């Protein structure tokens, strides 16, 4: 299952911010996050011989991120979209465009033994450009990327997280607790808009 969070269309409501209270992101861990791979045969997180690291995007990652996106689009999203739409999306997510997007929002990558295997971006409480490499589907990487950006948004005081989703990725977000808000048509085709409530930040956490 491929994952595509699409808010590239500027018509998506960017002003809907359900703020609760400000909570400094400096209170969150600044080191890259590591987690054990999800063992598909057991269906739960368990330590593995290889760990995946979630860290901020670096300019040197741009070609690898573009490659992950293209592989995901061609190998997975192509089951739900016509070839001309897939070609349009692949042409959009070039390494140069990835760098431009990373300059506009917080972009993160999931890295497995120096190989980029997933990516997600965040601007406030909006999720963008969520993809995982097809060979890693079912290992929990997409879920951990989402947990990472959700925690950042919650720490900033947002009441909910919002994402756009392709037909391909719709079920993934629903399984994470996201609920449909509306649908829209973008230059890349049909798109779902979903939201998920975020937990209130714990004001006692900073003094523990």
C-alpha atoms as a PDB file:
ATOM      1  CA  UNK A   1       0.000   0.000   0.000  1.00  0.00           C
ATOM      2  CA  UNK A   2       1.443   3.294  -1.069  1.00  0.00           C
ATOM      3  CA  UNK A   3       0.806   6.479   0.785  1.00  0.00           C
ATOM      4  CA  UNK A   4       0.358   9.903  -0.747  1.00  0.00           C
ATOM      5  CA  UNK A   5      -0.625  12.916   1.317  1.00  0.00           C
ATOM      6  CA  UNK A   6      -1.530  15.666  -1.066  1.00  0.00           C
ATOM      7  CA  UNK A   7      -2.024  19.266  -0.028  1.00  0.00           C
ATOM      8  CA  UNK A   8       0.015  20.596  -2.922  1.00  0.00           C
ATOM      9  CA  UNK A   9      -3.180  22.281  -4.146  1.00  0.00           C
ATOM     10  CA  UNK A  10      -3.346  25.707  -2.499  1.00  0.00           C
ATOM     11  CA  UNK A  11      -7.152  25.579  -2.375  1.00  0.00           C
ATOM     12  CA  UNK A  12      -7.035  23.207   0.577  1.00  0.00           C
ATOM     13  CA  UNK A  13      -8.079  25.041   3.735  1.00  0.00           C
ATOM     14  CA  UNK A  14      -4.849  26.245   5.317  1.00  0.00           C
ATOM     15  CA  UNK A  15      -6.460  28.597   7.823  1.00  0.00           C
ATOM     16  CA  UNK A  16      -8.266  25.962   9.899  1.00  0.00           C
ATOM     17  CA  UNK A  17      -6.114  25.907  12.995  1.00  0.00           C
ATOM     18  CA  UNK A  18      -7.656  24.542  16.166  1.00  0.00           C
ATOM     19  CA  UNK A  19      -5.039  25.802  18.596  1.00  0.00           C
ATOM     20  CA  UNK A  20      -5.204  24.795  22.237  1.00  0.00           C
ATOM     21  CA  UNK A  21      -2.059  26.269  23.728  1.00  0.00           C
ATOM     22  CA  UNK A  22       1.533  26.786  22.691  1.00  0.00           C
ATOM     23  CA  UNK A  23       3.988  24.135  23.808  1.00  0.00           C
ATOM     24  CA  UNK A  24       7.628  24.621  22.813  1.00  0.00           C
ATOM     25  CA  UNK A  25       8.952  22.083  20.320  1.00  0.00           C
ATOM     26  CA  UNK A  26      12.292  22.453  22.069  1.00  0.00           C
ATOM     27  CA  UNK A  27      10.855  20.169  24.752  1.00  0.00           C
ATOM     28  CA  UNK A  28      10.773  17.340  22.209  1.00  0.00           C
ATOM     29  CA  UNK A  29      13.785  15.089  21.554  1.00  0.00           C
ATOM     30  CA  UNK A  30      16.108  16.666  19.006  1.00  0.00           C
ATOM     31  CA  UNK A  31      17.971  13.468  18.187  1.00  0.00           C
ATOM     32  CA  UNK A  32      16.873  11.271  15.266  1.00  0.00           C
ATOM     33  CA  UNK A  33      14.224   8.745  16.237  1.00  0.00           C
ATOM     34  CA  UNK A  34      15.007   5.039  15.868  1.00  0.00           C
ATOM     35  CA  UNK A  35      12.573   2.175  15.990  1.00  0.00           C
ATOM     36  CA  UNK A  36      12.511  -1.564  15.340  1.00  0.00           C
ATOM     37  CA  UNK A  37      11.081  -2.761  12.063  1.00  0.00           C
ATOM     38  CA  UNK A  38       7.562  -4.116  12.047  1.00  0.00           C
ATOM     39  CA  UNK A  39       7.652  -7.859  11.526  1.00  0.00           C
ATOM     40  CA  UNK A  40       4.787  -8.530   9.154  1.00  0.00           C
ATOM     41  CA  UNK A  41       4.349 -12.149  10.205  1.00  0.00           C
ATOM     42  CA  UNK A  42       3.685 -11.115  13.813  1.00  0.00           C
ATOM     43  CA  UNK A  43       1.854  -7.877  13.076  1.00  0.00           C
ATOM     44  CA  UNK A  44       3.440  -5.953  15.934  1.00  0.00           C
ATOM     45  CA  UNK A  45       6.546  -3.948  16.596  1.00  0.00           C
ATOM     46  CA  UNK A  46       9.482  -6.052  17.640  1.00  0.00           C
ATOM     47  CA  UNK A  47      13.241  -5.456  17.749  1.00  0.00           C
ATOM     48  CA  UNK A  48      14.975  -6.433  14.540  1.00  0.00           C
ATOM     49  CA  UNK A  49      18.559  -6.598  13.368  1.00  0.00           C
ATOM     50  CA  UNK A  50      18.088  -3.312  11.508  1.00  0.00           C
ATOM     51  CA  UNK A  51      16.630  -0.108  12.916  1.00  0.00           C
ATOM     52  CA  UNK A  52      15.088   2.713  10.927  1.00  0.00           C
ATOM     53  CA  UNK A  53      15.969   6.300  11.773  1.00  0.00           C
ATOM     54  CA  UNK A  54      13.638   9.263  11.317  1.00  0.00           C
ATOM     55  CA  UNK A  55      15.527  12.531  10.849  1.00  0.00           C
ATOM     56  CA  UNK A  56      15.234  15.905   9.158  1.00  0.00           C
ATOM     57  CA  UNK A  57      15.686  16.071   5.417  1.00  0.00           C
ATOM     58  CA  UNK A  58      19.089  17.117   4.119  1.00  0.00           C
ATOM     59  CA  UNK A  59      19.733  18.563   0.637  1.00  0.00           C
ATOM     60  CA  UNK A  60      21.805  15.488  -0.191  1.00  0.00           C
ATOM     61  CA  UNK A  61      18.623  13.395   0.266  1.00  0.00           C
ATOM     62  CA  UNK A  62      16.740  15.049  -2.592  1.00  0.00           C
ATOM     63  CA  UNK A  63      17.539  12.474  -5.292  1.00  0.00           C
ATOM     64  CA  UNK A  64      16.794   9.565  -2.947  1.00  0.00           C
ATOM     65  CA  UNK A  65      13.481  11.095  -1.845  1.00  0.00           C
ATOM     66  CA  UNK A  66      12.476  11.702  -5.463  1.00  0.00           C
ATOM     67  CA  UNK A  67      13.338   8.085  -6.244  1.00  0.00           C
ATOM     68  CA  UNK A  68      11.210   6.754  -3.365  1.00  0.00           C
ATOM     69  CA  UNK A  69       8.273   8.865  -4.535  1.00  0.00           C
ATOM     70  CA  UNK A  70       8.602   7.760  -8.155  1.00  0.00           C
ATOM     71  CA  UNK A  71       8.884   4.071  -7.232  1.00  0.00           C
ATOM     72  CA  UNK A  72       5.847   4.359  -4.989  1.00  0.00           C
ATOM     73  CA  UNK A  73       3.813   6.096  -7.676  1.00  0.00           C
ATOM     74  CA  UNK A  74       4.765   3.694 -10.461  1.00  0.00           C
ATOM     75  CA  UNK A  75       4.609   0.462  -8.484  1.00  0.00           C
ATOM     76  CA  UNK A  76       1.675   1.081  -6.148  1.00  0.00           C
ATOM     77  CA  UNK A  77      -0.384   4.204  -6.883  1.00  0.00           C
ATOM     78  CA  UNK A  78      -0.559   3.161 -10.532  1.00  0.00           C
ATOM     79  CA  UNK A  79      -3.125   0.551  -9.478  1.00  0.00           C
ATOM     80  CA  UNK A  80      -5.599   3.355  -8.733  1.00  0.00           C
ATOM     81  CA  UNK A  81      -4.641   6.094 -11.202  1.00  0.00           C
ATOM     82  CA  UNK A  82      -4.255   6.266 -14.984  1.00  0.00           C
ATOM     83  CA  UNK A  83      -0.788   6.367 -16.472  1.00  0.00           C
ATOM     84  CA  UNK A  84      -1.027  10.023 -17.508  1.00  0.00           C
ATOM     85  CA  UNK A  85      -1.739  11.051 -13.907  1.00  0.00           C
ATOM     86  CA  UNK A  86       1.185   8.962 -12.643  1.00  0.00           C
ATOM     87  CA  UNK A  87       3.486  10.575 -15.206  1.00  0.00           C
ATOM     88  CA  UNK A  88       2.283  14.026 -14.136  1.00  0.00           C
ATOM     89  CA  UNK A  89       3.028  13.297 -10.486  1.00  0.00           C
ATOM     90  CA  UNK A  90       6.444  11.801 -11.252  1.00  0.00           C
ATOM     91  CA  UNK A  91       7.351  14.863 -13.321  1.00  0.00           C
ATOM     92  CA  UNK A  92       6.315  17.108 -10.424  1.00  0.00           C
ATOM     93  CA  UNK A  93       8.434  15.494  -7.706  1.00  0.00           C
ATOM     94  CA  UNK A  94      11.910  16.119  -9.105  1.00  0.00           C
ATOM     95  CA  UNK A  95      14.960  16.427  -6.810  1.00  0.00           C
ATOM     96  CA  UNK A  96      14.906  20.200  -7.330  1.00  0.00           C
ATOM     97  CA  UNK A  97      11.223  20.372  -6.407  1.00  0.00           C
ATOM     98  CA  UNK A  98      11.885  18.264  -3.309  1.00  0.00           C
ATOM     99  CA  UNK A  99      14.496  20.793  -2.188  1.00  0.00           C
ATOM    100  CA  UNK A 100      12.060  23.658  -2.765  1.00  0.00           C
ATOM    101  CA  UNK A 101       9.367  21.930  -0.731  1.00  0.00           C
ATOM    102  CA  UNK A 102      11.834  21.187   2.069  1.00  0.00           C
ATOM    103  CA  UNK A 103      12.641  24.903   2.256  1.00  0.00           C
ATOM    104  CA  UNK A 104       8.930  25.729   2.718  1.00  0.00           C
ATOM    105  CA  UNK A 105       8.041  23.159   5.390  1.00  0.00           C
ATOM    106  CA  UNK A 106       9.531  20.610   7.767  1.00  0.00           C
ATOM    107  CA  UNK A 107      10.505  17.534   5.775  1.00  0.00           C
ATOM    108  CA  UNK A 108      11.581  14.261   7.373  1.00  0.00           C
ATOM    109  CA  UNK A 109      13.027  11.048   5.999  1.00  0.00           C
ATOM    110  CA  UNK A 110      13.100   7.484   7.265  1.00  0.00           C
ATOM    111  CA  UNK A 111      16.542   5.953   6.756  1.00  0.00           C
ATOM    112  CA  UNK A 112      17.434   2.258   6.815  1.00  0.00           C
ATOM    113  CA  UNK A 113      21.200   1.629   6.782  1.00  0.00           C
ATOM    114  CA  UNK A 114      21.818   4.949   4.983  1.00  0.00           C
ATOM    115  CA  UNK A 115      19.043   4.286   2.434  1.00  0.00           C
ATOM    116  CA  UNK A 116      16.058   6.644   2.386  1.00  0.00           C
ATOM    117  CA  UNK A 117      12.950   4.455   2.573  1.00  0.00           C
ATOM    118  CA  UNK A 118      10.234   6.985   3.391  1.00  0.00           C
ATOM    119  CA  UNK A 119       9.394  10.663   3.695  1.00  0.00           C
ATOM    120  CA  UNK A 120       6.780  13.002   5.123  1.00  0.00           C
ATOM    121  CA  UNK A 121       6.467  16.771   5.406  1.00  0.00           C
ATOM    122  CA  UNK A 122       4.698  18.976   7.910  1.00  0.00           C
ATOM    123  CA  UNK A 123       3.553  22.592   7.919  1.00  0.00           C
ATOM    124  CA  UNK A 124       1.822  23.371  11.195  1.00  0.00           C
ATOM    125  CA  UNK A 125      -0.888  20.740  11.528  1.00  0.00           C
ATOM    126  CA  UNK A 126      -0.953  19.839   7.824  1.00  0.00           C
ATOM    127  CA  UNK A 127       0.695  16.698   6.423  1.00  0.00           C
ATOM    128  CA  UNK A 128       2.267  16.712   2.965  1.00  0.00           C
ATOM    129  CA  UNK A 129       4.082  14.360   0.595  1.00  0.00           C
ATOM    130  CA  UNK A 130       3.880  11.088   2.529  1.00  0.00           C
ATOM    131  CA  UNK A 131       5.529   8.142   0.759  1.00  0.00           C
ATOM    132  CA  UNK A 132       7.304   4.917   1.647  1.00  0.00           C
ATOM    133  CA  UNK A 133       9.417   2.711  -0.595  1.00  0.00           C
ATOM    134  CA  UNK A 134       7.334  -0.191  -1.964  1.00  0.00           C
ATOM    135  CA  UNK A 135       9.733  -2.795  -0.573  1.00  0.00           C
ATOM    136  CA  UNK A 136       9.191  -1.500   2.973  1.00  0.00           C
ATOM    137  CA  UNK A 137       5.391  -1.591   2.972  1.00  0.00           C
ATOM    138  CA  UNK A 138       4.099  -3.401   6.060  1.00  0.00           C
ATOM    139  CA  UNK A 139       7.135  -2.597   8.234  1.00  0.00           C
ATOM    140  CA  UNK A 140       5.515   0.269  10.149  1.00  0.00           C
ATOM    141  CA  UNK A 141       7.607   3.025   8.574  1.00  0.00           C
ATOM    142  CA  UNK A 142       4.668   5.090   7.362  1.00  0.00           C
ATOM    143  CA  UNK A 143       2.963   4.855  10.739  1.00  0.00           C
ATOM    144  CA  UNK A 144       6.092   5.995  12.583  1.00  0.00           C
ATOM    145  CA  UNK A 145       6.585   8.921  10.216  1.00  0.00           C
ATOM    146  CA  UNK A 146       3.023  10.011  10.933  1.00  0.00           C
ATOM    147  CA  UNK A 147       3.437   9.595  14.700  1.00  0.00           C
ATOM    148  CA  UNK A 148       6.547  11.779  14.460  1.00  0.00           C
ATOM    149  CA  UNK A 149       4.837  14.736  12.775  1.00  0.00           C
ATOM    150  CA  UNK A 150       1.698  14.341  14.895  1.00  0.00           C
ATOM    151  CA  UNK A 151       3.792  14.656  18.052  1.00  0.00           C
ATOM    152  CA  UNK A 152       5.376  17.848  16.740  1.00  0.00           C
ATOM    153  CA  UNK A 153       1.989  19.349  15.888  1.00  0.00           C
ATOM    154  CA  UNK A 154       0.541  18.382  19.273  1.00  0.00           C
ATOM    155  CA  UNK A 155       3.530  19.961  21.015  1.00  0.00           C
ATOM    156  CA  UNK A 156       2.870  23.161  19.074  1.00  0.00           C
ATOM    157  CA  UNK A 157      -0.651  23.242  20.489  1.00  0.00           C
ATOM    158  CA  UNK A 158      -2.718  22.099  17.507  1.00  0.00           C
ATOM    159  CA  UNK A 159      -6.018  20.352  18.229  1.00  0.00           C
ATOM    160  CA  UNK A 160      -6.005  18.189  15.117  1.00  0.00           C
ATOM    161  CA  UNK A 161      -3.859  16.960  12.239  1.00  0.00           C
ATOM    162  CA  UNK A 162      -5.064  17.292   8.655  1.00  0.00           C
ATOM    163  CA  UNK A 163      -3.894  15.430   5.584  1.00  0.00           C
ATOM    164  CA  UNK A 164      -4.783  14.959   1.979  1.00  0.00           C
ATOM    165  CA  UNK A 165      -4.839  11.369   0.754  1.00  0.00           C
ATOM    166  CA  UNK A 166      -4.916   9.664  -2.598  1.00  0.00           C
ATOM    167  CA  UNK A 167      -7.277   6.798  -3.308  1.00  0.00           C
ATOM    168  CA  UNK A 168      -4.303   4.522  -2.671  1.00  0.00           C
ATOM    169  CA  UNK A 169      -3.449   5.916   0.746  1.00  0.00           C
ATOM    170  CA  UNK A 170      -6.962   6.558   2.029  1.00  0.00           C
ATOM    171  CA  UNK A 171      -7.272   3.328   3.997  1.00  0.00           C
ATOM    172  CA  UNK A 172      -3.877   3.816   5.614  1.00  0.00           C
ATOM    173  CA  UNK A 173      -4.921   7.100   7.191  1.00  0.00           C
ATOM    174  CA  UNK A 174      -8.251   5.681   8.298  1.00  0.00           C
ATOM    175  CA  UNK A 175      -6.421   2.906  10.133  1.00  0.00           C
ATOM    176  CA  UNK A 176      -4.402   5.584  11.942  1.00  0.00           C
ATOM    177  CA  UNK A 177      -7.576   7.216  13.216  1.00  0.00           C
ATOM    178  CA  UNK A 178      -8.103   9.876  10.547  1.00  0.00           C
ATOM    179  CA  UNK A 179     -11.688  10.682   9.586  1.00  0.00           C
ATOM    180  CA  UNK A 180     -12.970  11.975   6.252  1.00  0.00           C
ATOM    181  CA  UNK A 181     -13.816  15.682   6.186  1.00  0.00           C
ATOM    182  CA  UNK A 182     -14.425  16.247   2.482  1.00  0.00           C
ATOM    183  CA  UNK A 183     -13.148  15.354  -0.971  1.00  0.00           C
ATOM    184  CA  UNK A 184     -11.588  17.518  -3.634  1.00  0.00           C
ATOM    185  CA  UNK A 185     -10.240  17.436  -7.168  1.00  0.00           C
ATOM    186  CA  UNK A 186      -6.620  18.448  -7.658  1.00  0.00           C
ATOM    187  CA  UNK A 187      -4.298  18.559 -10.633  1.00  0.00           C
ATOM    188  CA  UNK A 188      -3.362  15.002  -9.638  1.00  0.00           C
ATOM    189  CA  UNK A 189      -6.939  13.736  -9.519  1.00  0.00           C
ATOM    190  CA  UNK A 190      -9.380  12.772  -6.776  1.00  0.00           C
ATOM    191  CA  UNK A 191      -8.261  13.569  -3.237  1.00  0.00           C
ATOM    192  CA  UNK A 192      -9.593  12.895   0.271  1.00  0.00           C
ATOM    193  CA  UNK A 193      -9.156  15.390   3.104  1.00  0.00           C
ATOM    194  CA  UNK A 194      -8.984  13.770   6.552  1.00  0.00           C
ATOM    195  CA  UNK A 195      -8.449  14.917  10.132  1.00  0.00           C
ATOM    196  CA  UNK A 196      -7.383  13.311  13.365  1.00  0.00           C
ATOM    197  CA  UNK A 197      -7.733  14.806  16.870  1.00  0.00           C
ATOM    198  CA  UNK A 198      -4.430  15.348  18.649  1.00  0.00           C
ATOM    199  CA  UNK A 199      -3.871  14.869  22.391  1.00  0.00           C
ATOM    200  CA  UNK A 200      -3.502  17.897  24.594  1.00  0.00           C
ATOM    201  CA  UNK A 201       0.126  18.565  25.538  1.00  0.00           C
ATOM    202  CA  UNK A 202       0.932  17.678  29.136  1.00  0.00           C
ATOM    203  CA  UNK A 203       1.957  20.920  30.926  1.00  0.00           C
ATOM    204  CA  UNK A 204       3.757  18.857  33.591  1.00  0.00           C
ATOM    205  CA  UNK A 205       6.019  17.144  31.044  1.00  0.00           C
ATOM    206  CA  UNK A 206       8.529  20.010  30.993  1.00  0.00           C
ATOM    207  CA  UNK A 207       9.254  19.681  34.698  1.00  0.00           C
ATOM    208  CA  UNK A 208       9.563  15.895  34.886  1.00  0.00           C
END
